[in-house]
Amino acid sequence: MQDTNTRGHANARTVTVNDLGNLPALMTSKEYAAITGLSLVTIAVKCKRGQIPAVKCGHEWRINTTKALKALGLAD
């Protein structure tokens, strides 16, 4: 998994096609950031606006992997 810096930006990490098949049903913002290259702050804003299919679990967002990958054109 990747680390984040003090501003909430995800540090770069390469995600392969094999990684996509190993994601859980609900992925974390960090996992989504590794796929998209978006910052954690941007992901949180998009989740709150409903632009990313997600649910809030406590203080963290969990993103529906299947719906997110389809929206990104990475799954059928």
N, C-alpha and C. Protein backbone atom coordinates (compact mmCIF):
# COMPACT_ATOMS: atom_id res chain seq x y z
N MET A 1 0.84 -1.18 0.00
CA MET A 1 0.00 0.00 0.00
C MET A 1 0.88 1.23 0.00
N GLN A 2 0.35 2.31 -0.44
CA GLN A 2 1.12 3.54 -0.53
C GLN A 2 0.99 4.38 0.74
N ASP A 3 1.90 5.32 0.87
CA ASP A 3 1.87 6.27 1.97
C ASP A 3 1.28 7.58 1.48
N THR A 4 0.92 8.46 2.42
CA THR A 4 0.48 9.78 2.05
C THR A 4 1.38 10.80 2.70
N ASN A 5 1.52 11.94 2.07
CA ASN A 5 2.31 12.98 2.69
C ASN A 5 1.43 13.82 3.60
N THR A 6 1.97 14.85 4.21
CA THR A 6 1.22 15.62 5.20
C THR A 6 0.07 16.42 4.62
N ARG A 7 0.02 16.59 3.32
CA ARG A 7 -1.08 17.33 2.70
C ARG A 7 -2.18 16.40 2.18
N GLY A 8 -2.09 15.12 2.45
CA GLY A 8 -3.12 14.18 2.02
C GLY A 8 -3.00 13.72 0.59
N HIS A 9 -1.88 14.02 -0.05
CA HIS A 9 -1.68 13.57 -1.42
C HIS A 9 -1.08 12.16 -1.40
N ALA A 10 -1.62 11.33 -2.25
CA ALA A 10 -1.12 9.96 -2.33
C ALA A 10 0.21 9.95 -3.05
N ASN A 11 1.19 9.28 -2.48
CA ASN A 11 2.47 9.11 -3.16
C ASN A 11 2.27 8.15 -4.31
N ALA A 12 3.01 8.33 -5.38
CA ALA A 12 2.84 7.54 -6.59
C ALA A 12 3.08 6.06 -6.32
N ARG A 13 2.26 5.24 -6.92
CA ARG A 13 2.39 3.79 -6.83
C ARG A 13 1.86 3.22 -8.13
N THR A 14 2.55 2.26 -8.69
CA THR A 14 2.11 1.63 -9.91
C THR A 14 1.08 0.55 -9.58
N VAL A 15 -0.02 0.57 -10.29
CA VAL A 15 -1.07 -0.43 -10.13
C VAL A 15 -1.13 -1.22 -11.42
N THR A 16 -1.05 -2.53 -11.31
CA THR A 16 -1.11 -3.38 -12.50
C THR A 16 -2.51 -3.97 -12.65
N VAL A 17 -2.76 -4.57 -13.79
CA VAL A 17 -4.05 -5.23 -14.03
C VAL A 17 -4.27 -6.33 -13.00
N ASN A 18 -3.21 -7.03 -12.62
CA ASN A 18 -3.33 -8.09 -11.62
C ASN A 18 -3.80 -7.54 -10.28
N ASP A 19 -3.36 -6.33 -9.92
CA ASP A 19 -3.79 -5.70 -8.67
C ASP A 19 -5.29 -5.47 -8.65
N LEU A 20 -5.87 -5.11 -9.78
CA LEU A 20 -7.30 -4.82 -9.83
C LEU A 20 -8.15 -6.02 -9.44
N GLY A 21 -7.72 -7.21 -9.79
CA GLY A 21 -8.46 -8.42 -9.45
C GLY A 21 -8.36 -8.79 -7.98
N ASN A 22 -7.41 -8.21 -7.28
CA ASN A 22 -7.20 -8.53 -5.87
C ASN A 22 -7.80 -7.50 -4.91
N LEU A 23 -8.51 -6.53 -5.44
CA LEU A 23 -9.11 -5.51 -4.58
C LEU A 23 -10.34 -6.06 -3.87
N PRO A 24 -10.61 -5.59 -2.65
CA PRO A 24 -11.81 -6.01 -1.93
C PRO A 24 -13.05 -5.38 -2.55
N ALA A 25 -14.23 -5.82 -2.13
CA ALA A 25 -15.49 -5.28 -2.65
C ALA A 25 -15.60 -3.78 -2.41
N LEU A 26 -15.11 -3.34 -1.26
CA LEU A 26 -15.07 -1.91 -0.95
C LEU A 26 -13.61 -1.52 -0.74
N MET A 27 -13.10 -0.66 -1.62
CA MET A 27 -11.69 -0.27 -1.49
C MET A 27 -11.57 1.03 -0.71
N THR A 28 -10.38 1.26 -0.19
CA THR A 28 -10.11 2.48 0.56
C THR A 28 -9.80 3.62 -0.41
N SER A 29 -9.79 4.82 0.13
CA SER A 29 -9.42 5.98 -0.68
C SER A 29 -7.98 5.85 -1.18
N LYS A 30 -7.11 5.26 -0.37
CA LYS A 30 -5.71 5.08 -0.77
C LYS A 30 -5.61 4.13 -1.96
N GLU A 31 -6.40 3.07 -1.95
CA GLU A 31 -6.39 2.14 -3.08
C GLU A 31 -6.92 2.83 -4.34
N TYR A 32 -7.97 3.61 -4.19
CA TYR A 32 -8.53 4.35 -5.33
C TYR A 32 -7.52 5.37 -5.85
N ALA A 33 -6.81 6.02 -4.94
CA ALA A 33 -5.79 6.98 -5.33
C ALA A 33 -4.68 6.31 -6.13
N ALA A 34 -4.31 5.09 -5.74
CA ALA A 34 -3.26 4.36 -6.46
C ALA A 34 -3.69 4.05 -7.89
N ILE A 35 -4.97 3.85 -8.10
CA ILE A 35 -5.49 3.54 -9.43
C ILE A 35 -5.62 4.80 -10.28
N THR A 36 -6.13 5.86 -9.67
CA THR A 36 -6.48 7.06 -10.44
C THR A 36 -5.42 8.15 -10.44
N GLY A 37 -4.58 8.18 -9.41
CA GLY A 37 -3.61 9.26 -9.28
C GLY A 37 -4.19 10.51 -8.64
N LEU A 38 -5.44 10.45 -8.20
CA LEU A 38 -6.08 11.58 -7.53
C LEU A 38 -5.57 11.70 -6.10
N SER A 39 -5.61 12.91 -5.55
CA SER A 39 -5.22 13.10 -4.15
C SER A 39 -6.34 12.60 -3.25
N LEU A 40 -6.00 12.31 -2.01
CA LEU A 40 -7.00 11.86 -1.04
C LEU A 40 -8.05 12.93 -0.78
N VAL A 41 -7.64 14.18 -0.81
CA VAL A 41 -8.58 15.28 -0.61
C VAL A 41 -9.59 15.33 -1.76
N THR A 42 -9.11 15.22 -2.99
CA THR A 42 -9.99 15.22 -4.16
C THR A 42 -10.96 14.05 -4.11
N ILE A 43 -10.46 12.89 -3.73
CA ILE A 43 -11.32 11.71 -3.63
C ILE A 43 -12.41 11.93 -2.59
N ALA A 44 -12.06 12.47 -1.44
CA ALA A 44 -13.05 12.73 -0.39
C ALA A 44 -14.13 13.70 -0.87
N VAL A 45 -13.72 14.74 -1.58
CA VAL A 45 -14.69 15.71 -2.11
C VAL A 45 -15.61 15.04 -3.11
N LYS A 46 -15.05 14.25 -4.02
CA LYS A 46 -15.86 13.58 -5.04
C LYS A 46 -16.80 12.53 -4.41
N CYS A 47 -16.35 11.85 -3.37
CA CYS A 47 -17.22 10.91 -2.66
C CYS A 47 -18.39 11.65 -2.04
N LYS A 48 -18.10 12.75 -1.38
CA LYS A 48 -19.14 13.54 -0.71
C LYS A 48 -20.17 14.06 -1.71
N ARG A 49 -19.71 14.44 -2.90
CA ARG A 49 -20.61 14.95 -3.95
C ARG A 49 -21.35 13.85 -4.69
N GLY A 50 -20.99 12.59 -4.45
CA GLY A 50 -21.63 11.48 -5.14
C GLY A 50 -21.02 11.19 -6.50
N GLN A 51 -19.87 11.79 -6.80
CA GLN A 51 -19.22 11.57 -8.09
C GLN A 51 -18.42 10.27 -8.11
N ILE A 52 -18.14 9.73 -6.94
CA ILE A 52 -17.49 8.43 -6.80
C ILE A 52 -18.44 7.58 -5.97
N PRO A 53 -18.76 6.34 -6.40
CA PRO A 53 -19.70 5.50 -5.66
C PRO A 53 -19.08 5.01 -4.34
N ALA A 54 -19.48 5.65 -3.24
CA ALA A 54 -18.83 5.36 -1.96
C ALA A 54 -19.81 5.50 -0.80
N VAL A 55 -19.43 4.90 0.32
CA VAL A 55 -20.17 5.05 1.57
C VAL A 55 -19.20 5.49 2.65
N LYS A 56 -19.69 6.23 3.60
CA LYS A 56 -18.85 6.72 4.70
C LYS A 56 -18.89 5.69 5.82
N CYS A 57 -17.74 5.25 6.26
CA CYS A 57 -17.59 4.31 7.37
C CYS A 57 -16.78 5.01 8.45
N GLY A 58 -17.45 5.54 9.46
CA GLY A 58 -16.76 6.33 10.46
C GLY A 58 -16.24 7.60 9.83
N HIS A 59 -14.93 7.79 9.86
CA HIS A 59 -14.31 8.98 9.28
C HIS A 59 -13.72 8.72 7.90
N GLU A 60 -13.90 7.52 7.37
CA GLU A 60 -13.27 7.14 6.11
C GLU A 60 -14.31 6.78 5.06
N TRP A 61 -13.94 6.96 3.82
CA TRP A 61 -14.79 6.56 2.70
C TRP A 61 -14.39 5.17 2.23
N ARG A 62 -15.38 4.37 1.87
CA ARG A 62 -15.17 3.07 1.25
C ARG A 62 -15.84 3.13 -0.12
N ILE A 63 -15.07 2.82 -1.12
CA ILE A 63 -15.50 2.98 -2.51
C ILE A 63 -15.87 1.63 -3.10
N ASN A 64 -17.05 1.56 -3.71
CA ASN A 64 -17.52 0.33 -4.33
C ASN A 64 -16.60 -0.01 -5.50
N THR A 65 -15.84 -1.06 -5.36
CA THR A 65 -14.82 -1.42 -6.34
C THR A 65 -15.41 -1.69 -7.72
N THR A 66 -16.44 -2.50 -7.80
CA THR A 66 -17.03 -2.86 -9.09
C THR A 66 -17.55 -1.64 -9.82
N LYS A 67 -18.32 -0.81 -9.13
CA LYS A 67 -18.89 0.39 -9.76
C LYS A 67 -17.79 1.38 -10.15
N ALA A 68 -16.80 1.55 -9.29
CA ALA A 68 -15.72 2.49 -9.57
C ALA A 68 -14.90 2.05 -10.78
N LEU A 69 -14.56 0.77 -10.84
CA LEU A 69 -13.76 0.27 -11.97
C LEU A 69 -14.55 0.37 -13.27
N LYS A 70 -15.86 0.11 -13.22
CA LYS A 70 -16.70 0.27 -14.43
C LYS A 70 -16.73 1.73 -14.85
N ALA A 71 -16.89 2.65 -13.90
CA ALA A 71 -16.93 4.07 -14.22
C ALA A 71 -15.61 4.55 -14.82
N LEU A 72 -14.52 3.94 -14.41
CA LEU A 72 -13.20 4.29 -14.94
C LEU A 72 -12.89 3.57 -16.25
N GLY A 73 -13.77 2.67 -16.67
CA GLY A 73 -13.55 1.91 -17.90
C GLY A 73 -12.54 0.79 -17.74
N LEU A 74 -12.34 0.33 -16.50
CA LEU A 74 -11.37 -0.72 -16.24
C LEU A 74 -12.01 -2.09 -16.00
N ALA A 75 -13.33 -2.15 -16.07
CA ALA A 75 -14.04 -3.43 -15.88
C ALA A 75 -15.29 -3.42 -16.76
N ASP A 76 -15.78 -4.61 -17.02
CA ASP A 76 -17.01 -4.75 -17.85
C ASP A 76 -18.24 -4.68 -17.00
